[in-house]
Amino acid sequence: LEQTMAQLVAPSVFKEIQRRKKGLEAGGQRLHITSLFVDIRDFTSMAENLPAAEVGDLLNAFYTVVERIVFEYRGTVDKYM
């Protein structure tokens, strides 16, 4: 179970689960969490009107700022869509 869990969550989350050990018991554990969903306003129209390299630069700049803040607060980035 621990090997599977280690593949599914961020290393910092897995370390916290290991520290608590209760998180691996059947039935789980209730915790208060914060989830952040971010949408870049008008991204589709921007992406349609900018060269691909500029779209890539825009996304890289955005993700750099967002990741820094998320990781500063021991958060995890699940996926980019």
C-alpha atoms as a PDB file:
ATOM      1  CA  LEU A   1       0.000   0.000   0.000  1.00  0.00           C
ATOM      2  CA  GLU A   2       2.822   2.412   0.828  1.00  0.00           C
ATOM      3  CA  GLN A   3       4.531   1.825  -2.548  1.00  0.00           C
ATOM      4  CA  THR A   4       1.290   2.598  -4.370  1.00  0.00           C
ATOM      5  CA  MET A   5       0.635   5.677  -2.239  1.00  0.00           C
ATOM      6  CA  ALA A   6       4.171   6.962  -2.877  1.00  0.00           C
ATOM      7  CA  GLN A   7       3.470   6.883  -6.621  1.00  0.00           C
ATOM      8  CA  LEU A   8       0.164   8.724  -6.361  1.00  0.00           C
ATOM      9  CA  VAL A   9       0.967  11.707  -4.163  1.00  0.00           C
ATOM     10  CA  ALA A  10       3.703  14.311  -3.885  1.00  0.00           C
ATOM     11  CA  PRO A  11       6.732  13.346  -1.769  1.00  0.00           C
ATOM     12  CA  SER A  12       5.852  15.946   0.878  1.00  0.00           C
ATOM     13  CA  VAL A  13       2.323  14.553   1.168  1.00  0.00           C
ATOM     14  CA  PHE A  14       3.617  10.994   1.412  1.00  0.00           C
ATOM     15  CA  LYS A  15       6.049  11.995   4.179  1.00  0.00           C
ATOM     16  CA  GLU A  16       3.166  13.529   6.115  1.00  0.00           C
ATOM     17  CA  ILE A  17       1.102  10.363   5.658  1.00  0.00           C
ATOM     18  CA  GLN A  18       4.014   8.277   6.906  1.00  0.00           C
ATOM     19  CA  ARG A  19       4.495  10.611   9.857  1.00  0.00           C
ATOM     20  CA  ARG A  20       0.871  10.223  10.870  1.00  0.00           C
ATOM     21  CA  LYS A  21       0.620   6.512   9.951  1.00  0.00           C
ATOM     22  CA  LYS A  22      -3.120   6.711  10.684  1.00  0.00           C
ATOM     23  CA  GLY A  23      -3.660   7.889   7.110  1.00  0.00           C
ATOM     24  CA  LEU A  24      -2.880   4.411   5.809  1.00  0.00           C
ATOM     25  CA  GLU A  25      -5.488   2.628   7.922  1.00  0.00           C
ATOM     26  CA  ALA A  26      -8.720   1.426   6.342  1.00  0.00           C
ATOM     27  CA  GLY A  27     -11.335   4.137   6.450  1.00  0.00           C
ATOM     28  CA  GLY A  28      -8.811   6.948   6.090  1.00  0.00           C
ATOM     29  CA  GLN A  29      -8.777  10.143   8.068  1.00  0.00           C
ATOM     30  CA  ARG A  30     -10.685  13.426   7.830  1.00  0.00           C
ATOM     31  CA  LEU A  31      -8.556  16.521   7.355  1.00  0.00           C
ATOM     32  CA  HIS A  32      -9.245  20.146   6.509  1.00  0.00           C
ATOM     33  CA  ILE A  33      -7.570  20.994   3.212  1.00  0.00           C
ATOM     34  CA  THR A  34      -7.523  23.821   0.728  1.00  0.00           C
ATOM     35  CA  SER A  35      -7.870  23.245  -3.006  1.00  0.00           C
ATOM     36  CA  LEU A  36      -7.040  25.848  -5.614  1.00  0.00           C
ATOM     37  CA  PHE A  37      -8.375  25.746  -9.149  1.00  0.00           C
ATOM     38  CA  VAL A  38      -6.938  28.425 -11.411  1.00  0.00           C
ATOM     39  CA  ASP A  39      -8.219  29.562 -14.779  1.00  0.00           C
ATOM     40  CA  ILE A  40      -6.437  32.202 -16.852  1.00  0.00           C
ATOM     41  CA  ARG A  41      -9.058  34.703 -17.970  1.00  0.00           C
ATOM     42  CA  ASP A  42      -9.477  34.879 -21.770  1.00  0.00           C
ATOM     43  CA  PHE A  43      -6.703  32.342 -22.266  1.00  0.00           C
ATOM     44  CA  THR A  44      -8.325  30.721 -25.299  1.00  0.00           C
ATOM     45  CA  SER A  45      -8.633  33.966 -27.224  1.00  0.00           C
ATOM     46  CA  MET A  46      -5.093  34.999 -26.204  1.00  0.00           C
ATOM     47  CA  ALA A  47      -3.700  31.645 -27.308  1.00  0.00           C
ATOM     48  CA  GLU A  48      -5.509  31.900 -30.647  1.00  0.00           C
ATOM     49  CA  ASN A  49      -3.996  35.319 -31.337  1.00  0.00           C
ATOM     50  CA  LEU A  50      -0.422  34.914 -30.063  1.00  0.00           C
ATOM     51  CA  PRO A  51       2.464  33.004 -31.616  1.00  0.00           C
ATOM     52  CA  ALA A  52       2.993  29.608 -29.984  1.00  0.00           C
ATOM     53  CA  ALA A  53       6.318  30.705 -28.459  1.00  0.00           C
ATOM     54  CA  GLU A  54       4.618  33.624 -26.700  1.00  0.00           C
ATOM     55  CA  VAL A  55       1.886  31.349 -25.348  1.00  0.00           C
ATOM     56  CA  GLY A  56       4.597  29.049 -23.986  1.00  0.00           C
ATOM     57  CA  ASP A  57       6.422  31.989 -22.397  1.00  0.00           C
ATOM     58  CA  LEU A  58       3.187  33.251 -20.848  1.00  0.00           C
ATOM     59  CA  LEU A  59       2.368  29.849 -19.362  1.00  0.00           C
ATOM     60  CA  ASN A  60       5.908  29.314 -18.080  1.00  0.00           C
ATOM     61  CA  ALA A  61       5.889  32.712 -16.351  1.00  0.00           C
ATOM     62  CA  PHE A  62       2.463  32.047 -14.854  1.00  0.00           C
ATOM     63  CA  TYR A  63       3.323  28.558 -13.610  1.00  0.00           C
ATOM     64  CA  THR A  64       6.609  29.760 -12.125  1.00  0.00           C
ATOM     65  CA  VAL A  65       4.795  32.285  -9.935  1.00  0.00           C
ATOM     66  CA  VAL A  66       1.954  29.934  -8.984  1.00  0.00           C
ATOM     67  CA  GLU A  67       4.260  27.002  -8.196  1.00  0.00           C
ATOM     68  CA  ARG A  68       6.512  29.150  -6.014  1.00  0.00           C
ATOM     69  CA  ILE A  69       3.549  30.212  -3.881  1.00  0.00           C
ATOM     70  CA  VAL A  70       1.993  26.738  -3.731  1.00  0.00           C
ATOM     71  CA  PHE A  71       5.280  25.094  -2.730  1.00  0.00           C
ATOM     72  CA  GLU A  72       6.049  27.851  -0.203  1.00  0.00           C
ATOM     73  CA  TYR A  73       2.947  26.717   1.680  1.00  0.00           C
ATOM     74  CA  ARG A  74       3.827  23.006   1.302  1.00  0.00           C
ATOM     75  CA  GLY A  75       1.183  22.526  -1.365  1.00  0.00           C
ATOM     76  CA  THR A  76       1.082  20.115  -4.253  1.00  0.00           C
ATOM     77  CA  VAL A  77       0.408  20.704  -7.946  1.00  0.00           C
ATOM     78  CA  ASP A  78      -1.759  17.856  -9.171  1.00  0.00           C
ATOM     79  CA  LYS A  79      -1.934  18.663 -12.884  1.00  0.00           C
ATOM     80  CA  TYR A  80      -1.943  21.290 -15.558  1.00  0.00           C
ATOM     81  CA  MET A  81      -4.709  21.200 -18.126  1.00  0.00           C
END
